[in-house]
Each structure stands twice: as C-alpha cells, then as structure tokens.
C-alpha cells in the first residue's frame, strides 16, 4: 500500500500551528482497502515556535464531546511532537503519496518537522490533495453512513481514504488509468 491519507488537528490555522493530533491510514488505491493505521496525540507544551489562536480554541470548545475527549481527555496518552513525527515517518516509510484534505495539513507537517529539527523524509511532489479530487469527482463517492468522529484525525484520514478509493474505482470503471 503505497498511498497514505493523513490528517492533523491543531490549535491554529497558522503555518506554525500547535499540533494536537495526527492520524493516518495506508490504503490501496486499486482495491480501496484500508491498511495499517497511525494515531498519536502531541503534548501541547514543548512545541517550539507553535502558534495557538484564541478563535481556534473557541472553535474546539464548540466541537462534540467525543472529539474533545479524544484530544483533551485525562486518559489520553500524549507524546512530544518530535517523537510523534519520528513515529509517523517510520509508519509511512515506503509510501509514494501522502494525501490530505487540502494543502494545510502538508504545510503543518513540513513546519512541524522544521520546528522540531527532525528530518522531513518526503519531497513536495509526494503530497496530494484529496479535497480537489473530492470536489472534481464528488459524483463518484458512494453514499454511506458517516464514519467515526468528526475532527478525530484518524477518523478523518479514514474518511478521506474511503472517498479516494471510491474515486479511483469509478475512474478505472470508466477506463481511466489511475
């Protein structure tokens, strides 16, 4: 499985946003099958140069109890951001493409690696935009029950991968090579 869908939850929309969590799933674009999953919650303190915006904090306060508990709950295990990034780099070793919902997640990933002085293992051309695919090919996404908790990074990454799988399958069905 050479493709990975990933998602961040943050405390800002700024390029240098404070990272809350990172979720990812490997997927097979030929079958739509989801593979290994990755999820981690970062310690909020100790993120060098991280930006926290009051408006994003207020936004989080308005999100579902499940979404907030998954990040801010007392039982949640948190790791230093640099540790989370190294673990994600190990998880995604060998991936050809990393898909996110828009450019922000790729920007946050690159910024976090830079701020933590952790080598970034990817090239700019490996980042792909699921949102553009979804907007262009929305008619090919199969209807279904919502998956997981909105604003849980892993659940969001899985939803993105499922939608991409639908798009790739429909493309092949009409004779397009993907």
Protein backbone atom coordinates (compact mmCIF):
# COMPACT_ATOMS: atom_id res chain seq x y z
CA UNK A 1 0.00 0.00 0.00
CA UNK A 2 1.86 2.98 -1.34
CA UNK A 3 -0.72 5.68 -0.51
CA UNK A 4 -1.34 7.27 2.88
CA UNK A 5 -4.19 9.54 3.88
CA UNK A 6 -3.33 11.76 6.84
CA UNK A 7 -4.97 14.48 8.91
CA UNK A 8 -4.00 16.88 11.67
CA UNK A 9 -5.94 18.54 14.42
CA UNK A 10 -4.38 21.82 15.57
CA UNK A 11 -4.85 24.88 17.75
CA UNK A 12 -4.43 27.37 14.90
CA UNK A 13 -4.70 27.70 11.14
CA UNK A 14 -1.27 29.33 11.05
CA UNK A 15 1.54 27.53 9.21
CA UNK A 16 3.25 27.02 12.58
CA UNK A 17 0.10 25.82 14.35
CA UNK A 18 0.35 23.96 17.63
CA UNK A 19 -0.26 20.31 16.71
CA UNK A 20 -2.84 18.41 18.74
CA UNK A 21 -3.06 15.08 16.92
CA UNK A 22 -2.05 13.26 13.77
CA UNK A 23 -3.95 10.38 12.22
CA UNK A 24 -3.15 8.37 9.10
CA UNK A 25 -4.13 5.23 7.26
CA UNK A 26 -2.42 3.33 4.47
CA UNK A 27 -4.75 2.44 1.61
CA UNK A 28 -4.66 0.58 -1.67
CA UNK A 29 -5.90 2.78 -4.49
CA UNK A 30 -6.57 -0.33 -6.63
CA UNK A 31 -8.87 -2.09 -4.17
CA UNK A 32 -9.95 0.68 -1.79
CA UNK A 33 -8.77 -1.50 1.08
CA UNK A 34 -7.63 0.32 4.21
CA UNK A 35 -4.46 -0.95 5.83
CA UNK A 36 -2.35 -0.02 8.83
CA UNK A 37 -3.47 2.91 10.95
CA UNK A 38 -1.47 5.52 12.84
CA UNK A 39 -2.71 7.85 15.55
CA UNK A 40 -0.95 10.00 18.08
CA UNK A 41 -1.67 12.96 20.31
CA UNK A 42 1.08 15.50 20.86
CA UNK A 43 1.95 17.27 24.07
CA UNK A 44 0.85 20.87 23.73
CA UNK A 45 3.71 22.19 25.80
CA UNK A 46 7.20 21.98 24.42
CA UNK A 47 6.34 22.73 20.79
CA UNK A 48 8.96 25.28 19.73
CA UNK A 49 7.51 28.22 17.79
CA UNK A 50 3.96 26.82 17.91
CA UNK A 51 1.06 29.23 17.37
CA UNK A 52 -2.20 29.00 19.32
CA UNK A 53 -5.16 31.14 18.22
CA UNK A 54 -8.00 32.05 20.56
CA UNK A 55 -10.53 31.63 17.74
CA UNK A 56 -9.41 28.02 17.18
CA UNK A 57 -9.58 27.29 20.92
CA UNK A 58 -13.15 28.65 20.91
CA UNK A 59 -13.92 26.50 17.87
CA UNK A 60 -12.67 23.41 19.75
CA UNK A 61 -14.91 24.29 22.70
CA UNK A 62 -17.90 24.08 20.33
CA UNK A 63 -16.99 20.63 18.94
CA UNK A 64 -18.54 17.36 20.05
CA UNK A 65 -17.72 15.85 23.43
CA UNK A 66 -16.24 12.81 21.64
CA UNK A 67 -13.89 14.96 19.54
CA UNK A 68 -12.72 16.98 22.55
CA UNK A 69 -12.27 13.88 24.76
CA UNK A 70 -10.12 12.22 22.11
CA UNK A 71 -7.57 15.00 22.45
CA UNK A 72 -8.07 16.72 25.79
CA UNK A 73 -9.37 13.80 27.89
CA UNK A 74 -7.49 12.88 31.06
CA UNK A 75 -6.88 9.32 29.84
CA UNK A 76 -5.28 10.42 26.56
CA UNK A 77 -1.62 9.49 26.24
CA UNK A 78 0.46 12.33 24.79
CA UNK A 79 3.97 12.28 23.36
CA UNK A 80 6.44 15.04 22.49
CA UNK A 81 5.81 16.38 18.98
CA UNK A 82 9.26 15.28 17.76
CA UNK A 83 8.50 11.72 18.91
CA UNK A 84 5.15 11.79 17.12
CA UNK A 85 6.82 12.99 13.90
CA UNK A 86 9.53 10.32 14.03
CA UNK A 87 6.90 7.63 14.61
CA UNK A 88 4.87 8.92 11.67
CA UNK A 89 7.96 8.94 9.45
CA UNK A 90 8.58 5.28 10.40
CA UNK A 91 4.91 4.40 9.79
CA UNK A 92 4.93 5.98 6.34
CA UNK A 93 8.27 4.59 5.20
CA UNK A 94 7.95 3.42 1.61
CA UNK A 95 4.83 5.43 0.83
CA UNK A 96 4.76 7.03 -2.59
CA UNK A 97 1.99 9.57 -1.98
CA UNK A 98 0.62 11.32 1.09
CA UNK A 99 -2.95 12.57 0.73
CA UNK A 100 -4.50 15.28 2.86
CA UNK A 101 -7.70 17.31 2.69
CA UNK A 102 -6.22 20.49 1.25
CA UNK A 103 -2.76 21.98 1.46
CA UNK A 104 -2.88 22.97 5.15
CA UNK A 105 -2.07 19.53 6.53
CA UNK A 106 1.02 19.23 4.31
CA UNK A 107 2.06 22.73 5.37
CA UNK A 108 1.63 21.84 9.07
CA UNK A 109 3.59 18.62 8.59
CA UNK A 110 6.51 20.38 6.92
CA UNK A 111 6.50 23.17 9.51
CA UNK A 112 6.40 20.72 12.44
CA UNK A 113 9.38 18.79 11.08
CA UNK A 114 11.31 22.03 10.64
CA UNK A 115 10.40 23.42 14.08
CA UNK A 116 11.36 20.15 15.81
CA UNK A 117 14.58 19.84 13.81
CA UNK A 118 13.52 16.38 12.60
CA UNK A 119 14.50 15.45 9.02
CA UNK A 120 11.49 15.52 6.70
CA UNK A 121 11.55 12.26 4.68
CA UNK A 122 9.23 13.45 1.88
CA UNK A 123 9.51 15.62 -1.20
CA UNK A 124 6.96 18.30 -2.12
CA UNK A 125 5.78 16.26 -5.11
CA UNK A 126 4.64 13.40 -2.87
CA UNK A 127 1.84 15.47 -1.31
CA UNK A 128 -1.58 15.15 -2.96
CA UNK A 129 -4.85 16.98 -2.35
CA UNK A 130 -7.87 14.82 -1.56
CA UNK A 131 -10.19 17.86 -1.40
CA UNK A 132 -9.57 18.71 -5.06
CA UNK A 133 -10.27 15.11 -6.08
CA UNK A 134 -13.43 15.07 -3.94
CA UNK A 135 -14.66 18.36 -5.43
CA UNK A 136 -13.97 17.32 -9.03
CA UNK A 137 -15.34 13.78 -8.72
CA UNK A 138 -17.99 14.05 -5.98
CA UNK A 139 -20.50 12.11 -8.12
CA UNK A 140 -18.26 9.02 -7.78
CA UNK A 141 -18.20 8.99 -3.97
CA UNK A 142 -20.57 6.33 -2.74
CA UNK A 143 -23.15 7.44 -0.20
CA UNK A 144 -22.84 5.86 3.18
CA UNK A 145 -23.05 6.33 6.86
CA UNK A 146 -20.64 8.87 8.32
CA UNK A 147 -17.52 7.12 9.58
CA UNK A 148 -16.19 7.81 13.05
CA UNK A 149 -15.98 11.07 14.93
CA UNK A 150 -15.65 14.37 13.06
CA UNK A 151 -12.39 16.12 14.00
CA UNK A 152 -10.72 12.95 15.16
CA UNK A 153 -7.59 12.91 12.99
CA UNK A 154 -7.64 9.14 12.39
CA UNK A 155 -11.36 9.03 11.59
CA UNK A 156 -10.97 11.98 9.22
CA UNK A 157 -7.98 10.31 7.49
CA UNK A 158 -10.03 7.12 7.05
CA UNK A 159 -12.97 9.06 5.55
CA UNK A 160 -10.59 10.73 3.11
CA UNK A 161 -9.08 7.37 2.09
CA UNK A 162 -12.51 5.77 1.56
CA UNK A 163 -13.57 8.66 -0.67
CA UNK A 164 -10.35 8.42 -2.67
CA UNK A 165 -10.89 4.68 -3.06
CA UNK A 166 -14.38 5.35 -4.47
CA UNK A 167 -12.97 7.91 -6.91
CA UNK A 168 -10.13 5.65 -8.07
CA UNK A 169 -12.52 2.71 -8.57
CA UNK A 170 -15.00 4.80 -10.55
CA UNK A 171 -12.15 6.17 -12.68
CA UNK A 172 -10.99 2.65 -13.54
CA UNK A 173 -14.59 1.58 -14.26
CA UNK A 174 -14.83 4.23 -16.99
CA UNK A 175 -11.43 3.35 -18.43
CA UNK A 176 -9.19 5.96 -16.86
CA UNK A 177 -5.77 4.86 -15.70
CA UNK A 178 -5.01 5.92 -12.10
